Amino acid sequence: MPQVKTLKKTLLGFAVLVILAALFYAEEDLRGWHAWNKCKRELKAKGIVLDWNAYIPPPVPDDQNFFAAPKMADWFIKGHHGDQLQDPLKNPDTTSEIKTESAARNYLTWSDQFRTNFDLIREALKRPYARMDGDYSKPYEQPIPNFVTVRIVAQTLAQRAKCDLLLGQPEHALPELTLMHDMCRLLEGPPSGKPMTLVSAMVNVAVTGLYVDTIAVGLKSHAWQEAQLTALQYQLAEIKLAPFLFEAFLDESASISRTVQISWIPKFFDNSVKAKWTTKVVWWFWPRGWTYQNMVNAATLELKPLDSFDLENDIVAPRKFEKAGREVERYVSHATFPFKIIAAIAIPNFTKAEQTMAYNQTLANEAQVVCALERYRLASGYYPATLDALLPRFIEELPHDLIGGEQLHYRHTYAGKFLLYSVGWNERDDDGQPGTLADVKHGDWVWSYP
């Protein structure tokens, strides 16, 4: 009899534990589910949708799709196994500086073998859409551009343009730069611009930086003539990087939320927990509600930088972005509670993303103004006293400073030269003292002029 009583007590105790565990999991799951739905409702009221299906690009007709043109999918979609473009384009001179006319001629002669390929890309870019076919249901399996190919093609075109400029052939350099400019469309994914991953947005920023840097080579040497300056000015005016980075933060938030929701939890711990059996134990005892709580935290963190964008007025606010960055850093450094740990691992490091975007967009805006200044100089023999003198003949509308929204600072310096600058990331006028992207706390973003 004592054994029977003991067994009954044991079974009763086990039953109580099971009931308590069931109640615990039911409560946590319900609480997490309610938190996630509340988060979605609040964000939807602000115009932000976290449903991943809303970010899947709609199908487009093949005859209007860049990636359906001959060779384009094989060359520019990662994972395709057809003819690869990047291998034959690799050359040690792609990024090294070419200083002599002889070296410039040699590079152009070598790279002329790819002109047929470049013409195919130009023809494909006449199509209005750029949608990669593939499975978008799982964010981590969606098709993505072949960033290596994009980088190598952009570097090759930039080098060819610089060689043309060195040889006094700006009319040959313009088509190379135009192709660089137009290539960004395959990263921007028209017509919807979705899904815009953070990597795609930043590669777009990088290609833009290389494009503007190449234009600057011709501006500093006064190589460009009226026809080329006018064309480049219009191209530069089309560059709007902020909306794509903004969209990338939105898409990343929906992507992370969906990935956390459908993925096996141990995937998020593999990089931080060495003993894989522990991740399996954690998963088996992990309430579903904790996953929802992490989705709330991940979405909230990923969207914090959005407050620093004013897309309507084409302005970014560094102080707001810095505040968002500090909040994310504090969260990640103290993310030990189960509601936070997955979100902390899933959130990408976006500290430099907006700074780099703002810097390259500022250079593009300044280059647009300098093209107008050069056209004024070609027409009159000197630079104007103020930027307003460029209106409307040489530029229809002056781009403002992306930081703060005021007019870019401009003045004559000496020997017929000028100073053009943005107040930069510190939002303070340092009287044209040059700052750098490596040290955003000091100096202005100055257009470098010899």
Protein backbone atom coordinates (compact mmCIF):
# COMPACT_ATOMS: atom_id res chain seq x y z
CA MET A 1 0.00 0.00 0.00
CA PRO A 2 2.71 2.58 0.77
CA GLN A 3 4.13 1.98 -2.69
CA VAL A 4 0.74 2.58 -4.27
CA LYS A 5 0.33 5.84 -2.33
CA THR A 6 3.79 6.94 -3.37
CA LEU A 7 3.01 6.14 -7.00
CA LYS A 8 -0.24 8.08 -6.80
CA LYS A 9 1.53 11.09 -5.32
CA THR A 10 4.18 10.88 -8.02
CA LEU A 11 1.59 10.68 -10.78
CA LEU A 12 -0.39 13.50 -9.20
CA GLY A 13 2.70 15.64 -8.95
CA PHE A 14 3.60 14.88 -12.57
CA ALA A 15 0.05 15.72 -13.66
CA VAL A 16 0.23 19.03 -11.81
CA LEU A 17 3.54 19.83 -13.48
CA VAL A 18 2.08 19.00 -16.90
CA ILE A 19 -0.93 21.21 -16.24
CA LEU A 20 1.26 24.08 -15.00
CA ALA A 21 3.55 23.69 -18.01
CA ALA A 22 0.55 23.66 -20.36
CA LEU A 23 -0.84 26.78 -18.70
CA PHE A 24 2.58 28.46 -18.90
CA TYR A 25 2.98 27.70 -22.60
CA ALA A 26 -0.62 28.68 -23.36
CA GLU A 27 -0.19 32.00 -21.55
CA GLU A 28 3.18 32.77 -23.18
CA ASP A 29 1.94 31.81 -26.64
CA LEU A 30 -1.23 33.89 -26.28
CA ARG A 31 0.68 36.87 -24.88
CA GLY A 32 3.24 36.71 -27.69
CA TRP A 33 0.56 36.34 -30.36
CA HIS A 34 -1.33 39.37 -29.01
CA ALA A 35 1.91 41.42 -28.82
CA TRP A 36 2.75 40.65 -32.45
CA ASN A 37 -0.72 41.48 -33.73
CA LYS A 38 -0.77 44.69 -31.69
CA CYS A 39 2.62 45.62 -33.19
CA LYS A 40 1.35 45.00 -36.72
CA ARG A 41 -1.80 47.06 -36.11
CA GLU A 42 0.17 50.00 -34.71
CA LEU A 43 2.65 49.94 -37.60
CA LYS A 44 -0.12 49.58 -40.18
CA ALA A 45 -1.72 52.74 -38.75
CA LYS A 46 1.57 54.47 -39.63
CA GLY A 47 1.52 53.05 -43.15
CA ILE A 48 4.04 50.28 -42.42
CA VAL A 49 3.12 46.73 -43.44
CA LEU A 50 5.04 43.76 -42.03
CA ASP A 51 3.34 41.09 -44.13
CA TRP A 52 6.18 39.59 -46.20
CA ASN A 53 3.78 38.82 -49.06
CA ALA A 54 3.38 42.57 -49.58
CA TYR A 55 7.07 42.78 -50.48
CA ILE A 56 7.09 40.05 -53.12
CA PRO A 57 7.47 41.75 -56.54
CA PRO A 58 4.66 41.05 -59.01
CA PRO A 59 5.46 39.14 -62.23
CA VAL A 60 6.28 41.21 -65.30
CA PRO A 61 6.23 40.31 -69.02
CA ASP A 62 9.46 38.69 -70.20
CA ASP A 63 9.83 41.06 -73.13
CA GLN A 64 9.85 43.98 -70.66
CA ASN A 65 12.09 42.36 -68.04
CA PHE A 66 15.83 43.08 -67.92
CA PHE A 67 16.58 39.68 -66.40
CA ALA A 68 14.70 37.86 -69.18
CA ALA A 69 16.94 39.38 -71.86
CA PRO A 70 19.66 37.11 -73.31
CA LYS A 71 22.52 36.37 -70.85
CA MET A 72 21.27 38.74 -68.15
CA ALA A 73 20.00 36.11 -65.69
CA ASP A 74 23.20 34.08 -66.09
CA TRP A 75 25.38 37.14 -65.57
CA PHE A 76 23.49 39.08 -62.94
CA ILE A 77 21.53 36.63 -60.75
CA LYS A 78 23.51 34.87 -58.07
CA GLY A 79 23.47 31.09 -58.35
CA HIS A 80 22.78 30.83 -62.06
CA HIS A 81 25.11 28.38 -63.74
CA GLY A 82 25.10 29.55 -67.34
CA ASP A 83 27.79 31.68 -68.96
CA GLN A 84 29.50 33.78 -66.30
CA LEU A 85 30.55 37.33 -67.11
CA GLN A 86 32.76 38.19 -64.13
CA ASP A 87 35.65 35.76 -64.69
CA PRO A 88 36.84 37.11 -68.08
CA LEU A 89 36.45 40.69 -66.78
CA LYS A 90 38.94 40.19 -63.95
CA ASN A 91 42.11 42.12 -64.59
CA PRO A 92 44.72 43.58 -62.26
CA ASP A 93 44.30 47.01 -63.85
CA THR A 94 40.57 47.25 -63.08
CA THR A 95 41.06 49.30 -59.91
CA SER A 96 44.69 50.45 -60.11
CA GLU A 97 45.33 54.03 -61.21
CA ILE A 98 46.37 54.47 -64.82
CA LYS A 99 48.58 57.54 -65.22
CA THR A 100 50.06 57.38 -68.72
CA GLU A 101 48.49 57.54 -72.16
CA SER A 102 50.28 54.35 -73.13
CA ALA A 103 48.77 52.44 -70.19
CA ALA A 104 45.36 53.92 -71.01
CA ARG A 105 45.53 52.72 -74.62
CA ASN A 106 46.64 49.26 -73.49
CA TYR A 107 43.73 48.97 -71.05
CA LEU A 108 41.19 50.09 -73.65
CA THR A 109 42.61 47.64 -76.18
CA TRP A 110 42.39 44.78 -73.67
CA SER A 111 38.85 45.64 -72.50
CA ASP A 112 37.51 46.18 -76.04
CA GLN A 113 36.92 42.42 -76.14
CA PHE A 114 33.93 42.99 -73.78
CA ARG A 115 32.22 45.68 -75.84
CA THR A 116 29.78 43.13 -77.27
CA ASN A 117 28.83 42.12 -73.72
CA PHE A 118 28.39 45.74 -72.72
CA ASP A 119 26.15 46.30 -75.74
CA LEU A 120 23.99 43.35 -74.64
CA ILE A 121 23.62 44.94 -71.20
CA ARG A 122 22.72 48.29 -72.78
CA GLU A 123 20.07 46.63 -74.92
CA ALA A 124 18.64 44.77 -71.93
CA LEU A 125 18.46 47.99 -69.91
CA LYS A 126 16.03 49.41 -72.45
CA ARG A 127 13.44 47.14 -70.85
CA PRO A 128 11.53 49.03 -68.13
CA TYR A 129 11.41 46.30 -65.47
CA ALA A 130 14.00 44.30 -63.54
CA ARG A 131 12.42 41.38 -61.71
CA MET A 132 14.32 38.19 -60.87
CA ASP A 133 12.29 35.02 -61.18
CA GLY A 134 12.45 32.69 -58.20
CA ASP A 135 10.88 31.60 -54.93
CA TYR A 136 10.18 34.62 -52.72
CA SER A 137 8.07 32.76 -50.12
CA LYS A 138 11.10 32.35 -47.82
CA PRO A 139 13.11 35.58 -47.51
CA TYR A 140 16.40 33.75 -47.04
CA GLU A 141 15.87 31.83 -50.31
CA GLN A 142 14.80 34.74 -52.50
CA PRO A 143 16.87 35.41 -55.65
CA ILE A 144 19.47 38.15 -55.28
CA PRO A 145 21.70 39.96 -57.78
CA ASN A 146 25.22 38.72 -58.43
CA PHE A 147 26.96 41.56 -56.63
CA VAL A 148 30.41 40.37 -57.72
CA THR A 149 29.46 40.77 -61.37
CA VAL A 150 27.90 44.17 -60.74
CA ARG A 151 31.04 45.36 -58.97
CA ILE A 152 33.48 44.10 -61.62
CA VAL A 153 31.45 45.48 -64.54
CA ALA A 154 31.16 48.87 -62.80
CA GLN A 155 34.90 48.96 -62.07
CA THR A 156 35.73 48.03 -65.66
CA LEU A 157 33.45 50.72 -67.07
CA ALA A 158 34.88 53.31 -64.67
CA GLN A 159 38.41 52.41 -65.68
CA ARG A 160 37.56 52.64 -69.37
CA ALA A 161 35.97 56.06 -68.83
CA LYS A 162 39.05 57.32 -66.96
CA CYS A 163 41.28 56.07 -69.78
CA ASP A 164 39.13 57.88 -72.34
CA LEU A 165 39.37 61.08 -70.30
CA LEU A 166 43.15 60.72 -70.01
CA LEU A 167 43.34 60.40 -73.78
CA GLY A 168 41.15 63.50 -74.30
CA GLN A 169 38.13 61.52 -75.53
CA PRO A 170 35.21 62.59 -73.29
CA GLU A 171 32.71 61.65 -75.99
CA HIS A 172 33.84 58.02 -75.57
CA ALA A 173 33.81 58.20 -71.76
CA LEU A 174 30.17 59.33 -71.62
CA PRO A 175 28.65 56.03 -72.90
CA GLU A 176 30.67 54.08 -70.31
CA LEU A 177 29.39 56.29 -67.50
CA THR A 178 25.85 56.19 -68.85
CA LEU A 179 25.93 52.39 -68.70
CA MET A 180 27.23 52.56 -65.10
CA HIS A 181 24.39 54.92 -64.20
CA ASP A 182 21.73 52.78 -65.89
CA MET A 183 23.06 49.54 -64.37
CA CYS A 184 21.81 50.64 -60.96
CA ARG A 185 18.30 49.85 -62.18
CA LEU A 186 18.96 46.13 -61.94
CA LEU A 187 19.67 46.64 -58.21
CA GLU A 188 16.63 48.86 -57.69
CA GLY A 189 14.15 46.31 -59.05
CA PRO A 190 11.59 48.36 -60.96
CA PRO A 191 8.62 48.56 -61.14
CA SER A 192 8.02 47.85 -57.44
CA GLY A 193 11.51 48.38 -56.00
CA LYS A 194 10.83 45.36 -53.79
CA PRO A 195 12.14 43.51 -52.05
CA MET A 196 15.06 45.88 -51.48
CA THR A 197 17.62 44.13 -49.32
CA LEU A 198 20.07 46.21 -47.32
CA VAL A 199 22.93 44.66 -49.30
CA SER A 200 21.35 45.66 -52.62
CA ALA A 201 20.79 49.19 -51.37
CA MET A 202 24.40 49.54 -50.24
CA VAL A 203 25.83 48.08 -53.47
CA ASN A 204 23.70 50.66 -55.27
CA VAL A 205 25.27 53.32 -53.04
CA ALA A 206 28.77 51.99 -53.78
CA VAL A 207 28.25 51.95 -57.58
CA THR A 208 26.92 55.50 -57.36
CA GLY A 209 30.04 56.55 -55.46
CA LEU A 210 32.27 55.06 -58.16
CA TYR A 211 30.17 56.71 -60.87
CA VAL A 212 30.46 60.16 -59.26
CA ASP A 213 34.18 59.68 -58.60
CA THR A 214 34.73 58.96 -62.29
CA ILE A 215 32.77 62.05 -63.32
CA ALA A 216 34.93 64.05 -60.91
CA VAL A 217 38.08 62.98 -62.75
CA GLY A 218 36.81 64.75 -65.88
CA LEU A 219 35.55 67.78 -63.95
CA LYS A 220 38.86 68.35 -62.21
CA SER A 221 40.77 68.18 -65.50
CA HIS A 222 38.14 70.27 -67.37
CA ALA A 223 37.86 67.41 -69.87
CA TRP A 224 34.07 67.44 -70.20
CA GLN A 225 32.45 69.60 -72.87
CA GLU A 226 28.99 71.11 -72.98
CA ALA A 227 27.24 68.08 -74.49
CA GLN A 228 28.69 65.63 -71.99
CA LEU A 229 28.17 67.98 -69.02
CA THR A 230 24.50 68.41 -69.90
CA ALA A 231 23.95 64.65 -70.19
CA LEU A 232 25.80 63.92 -66.94
CA GLN A 233 23.91 66.66 -65.13
CA TYR A 234 20.59 65.06 -66.03
CA GLN A 235 21.84 61.64 -64.95
CA LEU A 236 23.06 62.98 -61.62
CA ALA A 237 19.70 64.65 -61.01
CA GLU A 238 18.05 61.23 -61.29
CA ILE A 239 20.07 59.77 -58.39
CA LYS A 240 17.89 59.41 -55.30
CA LEU A 241 19.50 56.96 -52.90
CA ALA A 242 17.52 57.73 -49.74
CA PRO A 243 14.20 56.13 -50.84
CA PHE A 244 15.95 52.84 -51.62
CA LEU A 245 17.72 52.69 -48.26
CA PHE A 246 14.42 53.59 -46.57
CA GLU A 247 12.71 50.77 -48.46
CA ALA A 248 15.55 48.41 -47.51
CA PHE A 249 14.91 49.02 -43.81
CA LEU A 250 11.21 48.31 -44.35
CA ASP A 251 11.87 45.16 -46.37
CA GLU A 252 14.50 43.92 -43.92
CA SER A 253 12.05 44.31 -41.05
CA ALA A 254 9.41 42.24 -42.83
CA SER A 255 12.08 39.76 -43.94
CA ILE A 256 13.49 39.24 -40.44
CA SER A 257 10.02 38.88 -38.94
CA ARG A 258 9.04 36.28 -41.54
CA THR A 259 12.36 34.43 -41.19
CA VAL A 260 12.07 34.24 -37.40
CA GLN A 261 8.49 33.06 -37.75
CA ILE A 262 9.17 30.15 -40.13
CA SER A 263 12.73 29.12 -39.26
CA TRP A 264 13.96 26.54 -36.80
CA ILE A 265 15.18 28.55 -33.82
CA PRO A 266 18.62 26.88 -33.49
CA LYS A 267 19.68 28.54 -36.78
CA PHE A 268 19.82 31.84 -34.92
CA PHE A 269 22.00 30.43 -32.17
CA ASP A 270 24.59 28.55 -34.25
CA ASN A 271 26.96 31.52 -34.31
CA SER A 272 26.74 32.22 -30.61
CA VAL A 273 26.37 28.78 -29.01
CA LYS A 274 29.09 26.22 -29.70
CA ALA A 275 27.38 23.10 -28.39
CA LYS A 276 24.67 22.43 -30.95
CA TRP A 277 22.82 20.00 -28.73
CA THR A 278 22.02 22.90 -26.41
CA THR A 279 20.28 24.73 -29.23
CA LYS A 280 18.05 21.72 -29.78
CA VAL A 281 17.18 21.57 -26.09
CA VAL A 282 16.36 25.27 -26.11
CA TRP A 283 14.14 24.80 -29.14
CA TRP A 284 12.15 21.91 -27.73
CA PHE A 285 11.31 23.94 -24.63
CA TRP A 286 10.94 27.28 -26.43
CA PRO A 287 7.37 28.72 -26.26
CA ARG A 288 6.04 29.91 -29.59
CA GLY A 289 5.02 33.12 -27.88
CA TRP A 290 8.67 33.99 -27.28
CA THR A 291 9.23 33.82 -31.03
CA TYR A 292 6.42 36.34 -31.54
CA GLN A 293 7.94 38.59 -28.88
CA ASN A 294 11.27 38.47 -30.71
CA MET A 295 9.48 39.35 -33.93
CA VAL A 296 8.05 42.43 -32.22
CA ASN A 297 11.47 43.48 -30.97
CA ALA A 298 13.19 42.78 -34.30
CA ALA A 299 10.61 44.79 -36.23
CA THR A 300 10.79 47.68 -33.77
CA LEU A 301 14.59 47.82 -33.88
CA GLU A 302 14.84 47.53 -37.65
CA LEU A 303 12.40 50.40 -38.13
CA LYS A 304 14.06 52.84 -35.73
CA PRO A 305 16.26 54.45 -38.43
CA LEU A 306 13.17 55.41 -40.46
CA ASP A 307 12.54 58.42 -38.22
CA SER A 308 15.71 60.02 -39.59
CA PHE A 309 14.32 60.13 -43.16
CA ASP A 310 12.17 62.92 -44.56
CA LEU A 311 11.57 61.58 -48.05
CA GLU A 312 9.02 64.22 -48.97
CA ASN A 313 11.58 66.99 -48.52
CA ASP A 314 14.62 64.85 -49.43
CA ILE A 315 16.34 65.33 -46.08
CA VAL A 316 18.03 63.03 -43.58
CA ALA A 317 18.51 63.88 -39.89
CA PRO A 318 21.80 62.52 -38.51
CA ARG A 319 20.92 63.22 -34.87
CA LYS A 320 17.81 61.06 -35.10
CA PHE A 321 19.77 58.32 -36.77
CA GLU A 322 22.52 58.44 -34.14
CA LYS A 323 19.87 58.18 -31.43
CA ALA A 324 18.35 55.12 -33.13
CA GLY A 325 21.81 53.57 -33.43
CA ARG A 326 22.52 54.04 -29.74
CA GLU A 327 19.19 52.46 -28.81
CA VAL A 328 19.93 49.42 -30.96
CA GLU A 329 23.45 49.09 -29.54
CA ARG A 330 22.11 49.19 -25.98
CA TYR A 331 19.51 46.59 -26.86
CA VAL A 332 22.02 44.22 -28.45
CA SER A 333 24.54 44.56 -25.61
CA HIS A 334 21.89 43.63 -23.02
CA ALA A 335 19.92 41.08 -25.04
CA THR A 336 19.94 38.14 -22.62
CA PHE A 337 16.22 37.77 -22.01
CA PRO A 338 14.49 35.22 -24.29
CA PHE A 339 12.24 37.92 -25.74
CA LYS A 340 15.30 39.75 -27.07
CA ILE A 341 17.99 37.22 -27.92
CA ILE A 342 16.84 36.19 -31.41
CA ALA A 343 16.08 39.78 -32.40
CA ALA A 344 19.59 40.85 -31.32
CA ILE A 345 21.19 38.15 -33.48
CA ALA A 346 18.96 38.83 -36.50
CA ILE A 347 19.34 42.64 -36.62
CA PRO A 348 22.00 43.70 -39.16
CA ASN A 349 24.59 46.36 -38.38
CA PHE A 350 23.25 49.48 -40.07
CA THR A 351 25.50 51.98 -38.29
CA LYS A 352 27.37 53.06 -41.45
CA ALA A 353 24.56 52.49 -43.93
CA GLU A 354 22.86 55.86 -43.72
CA GLN A 355 26.12 57.78 -43.33
CA THR A 356 27.54 56.23 -46.52
CA MET A 357 24.28 56.79 -48.39
CA ALA A 358 24.14 60.45 -47.29
CA TYR A 359 27.79 61.00 -48.21
CA ASN A 360 27.50 59.52 -51.73
CA GLN A 361 24.19 61.26 -52.37
CA THR A 362 25.79 64.53 -51.29
CA LEU A 363 28.65 63.97 -53.74
CA ALA A 364 26.11 63.29 -56.50
CA ASN A 365 24.25 66.52 -55.64
CA GLU A 366 27.50 68.48 -55.60
CA ALA A 367 28.60 66.94 -58.90
CA GLN A 368 25.32 68.04 -60.45
CA VAL A 369 26.02 71.62 -59.36
CA VAL A 370 29.63 71.45 -60.56
CA CYS A 371 28.47 70.30 -64.01
CA ALA A 372 26.32 73.44 -64.15
CA LEU A 373 29.25 75.55 -62.92
CA GLU A 374 31.48 74.11 -65.65
CA ARG A 375 28.86 74.86 -68.29
CA TYR A 376 28.70 78.46 -66.97
CA ARG A 377 32.51 78.69 -67.14
CA LEU A 378 32.59 77.35 -70.71
CA ALA A 379 30.01 79.98 -71.72
CA SER A 380 31.48 82.98 -69.89
CA GLY A 381 35.09 82.16 -69.06
CA TYR A 382 34.67 82.34 -65.28
CA TYR A 383 32.61 80.91 -62.43
CA PRO A 384 29.57 82.84 -61.12
CA ALA A 385 29.57 84.80 -57.86
CA THR A 386 26.58 82.85 -56.54
CA LEU A 387 24.82 79.60 -57.39
CA ASP A 388 21.62 81.51 -58.16
CA ALA A 389 23.34 82.79 -61.32
CA LEU A 390 23.08 79.25 -62.71
CA LEU A 391 19.25 79.47 -62.77
CA PRO A 392 17.53 78.66 -65.03
CA ARG A 393 19.84 78.43 -68.04
CA PHE A 394 22.41 76.04 -66.62
CA ILE A 395 20.28 74.20 -64.08
CA GLU A 396 16.52 74.16 -63.60
CA GLU A 397 16.61 73.61 -59.84
CA LEU A 398 19.53 73.64 -57.42
CA PRO A 399 19.79 70.50 -55.30
CA HIS A 400 19.76 71.36 -51.61
CA ASP A 401 21.95 69.95 -48.88
CA LEU A 402 20.66 66.50 -47.94
CA ILE A 403 21.69 67.30 -44.37
CA GLY A 404 19.33 69.97 -43.08
CA GLY A 405 17.78 70.96 -46.41
CA GLU A 406 19.53 74.33 -46.82
CA GLN A 407 21.36 75.39 -49.99
CA LEU A 408 24.82 73.95 -50.50
CA HIS A 409 27.55 76.41 -49.46
CA TYR A 410 29.43 78.04 -52.33
CA ARG A 411 32.01 80.81 -52.69
CA HIS A 412 34.98 81.89 -54.79
CA THR A 413 38.37 81.02 -53.37
CA TYR A 414 41.40 82.07 -55.41
CA ALA A 415 42.73 81.97 -58.98
CA GLY A 416 39.25 81.54 -60.41
CA LYS A 417 38.44 78.48 -58.30
CA PHE A 418 35.54 77.82 -55.95
CA LEU A 419 34.54 76.05 -52.75
CA LEU A 420 31.38 73.93 -52.65
CA TYR A 421 30.35 71.94 -49.61
CA SER A 422 27.65 70.39 -47.45
CA VAL A 423 27.61 70.82 -43.67
CA GLY A 424 28.09 67.06 -43.42
CA TRP A 425 27.04 64.53 -40.82
CA ASN A 426 27.77 66.74 -37.81
CA GLU A 427 25.15 69.23 -39.11
CA ARG A 428 27.55 72.11 -38.39
CA ASP A 429 29.07 74.59 -40.81
CA ASP A 430 32.84 74.18 -40.37
CA ASP A 431 33.55 76.86 -42.99
CA GLY A 432 34.53 74.35 -45.65
CA GLN A 433 37.09 72.43 -43.61
CA PRO A 434 37.13 68.99 -45.29
CA GLY A 435 35.77 66.06 -43.33
CA THR A 436 35.70 62.41 -44.27
CA LEU A 437 33.32 59.50 -44.06
CA ALA A 438 35.79 57.84 -41.69
CA ASP A 439 35.40 60.73 -39.24
CA VAL A 440 31.88 62.10 -39.53
CA LYS A 441 32.11 64.14 -36.33
CA HIS A 442 34.46 66.74 -37.80
CA GLY A 443 34.47 68.83 -40.95
CA ASP A 444 32.20 69.44 -43.93
CA TRP A 445 31.63 67.29 -46.99
CA VAL A 446 33.60 69.34 -49.50
CA TRP A 447 33.74 68.95 -53.26
CA SER A 448 37.42 68.34 -53.85
CA TYR A 449 38.80 70.81 -56.36
CA PRO A 450 42.45 71.08 -57.46
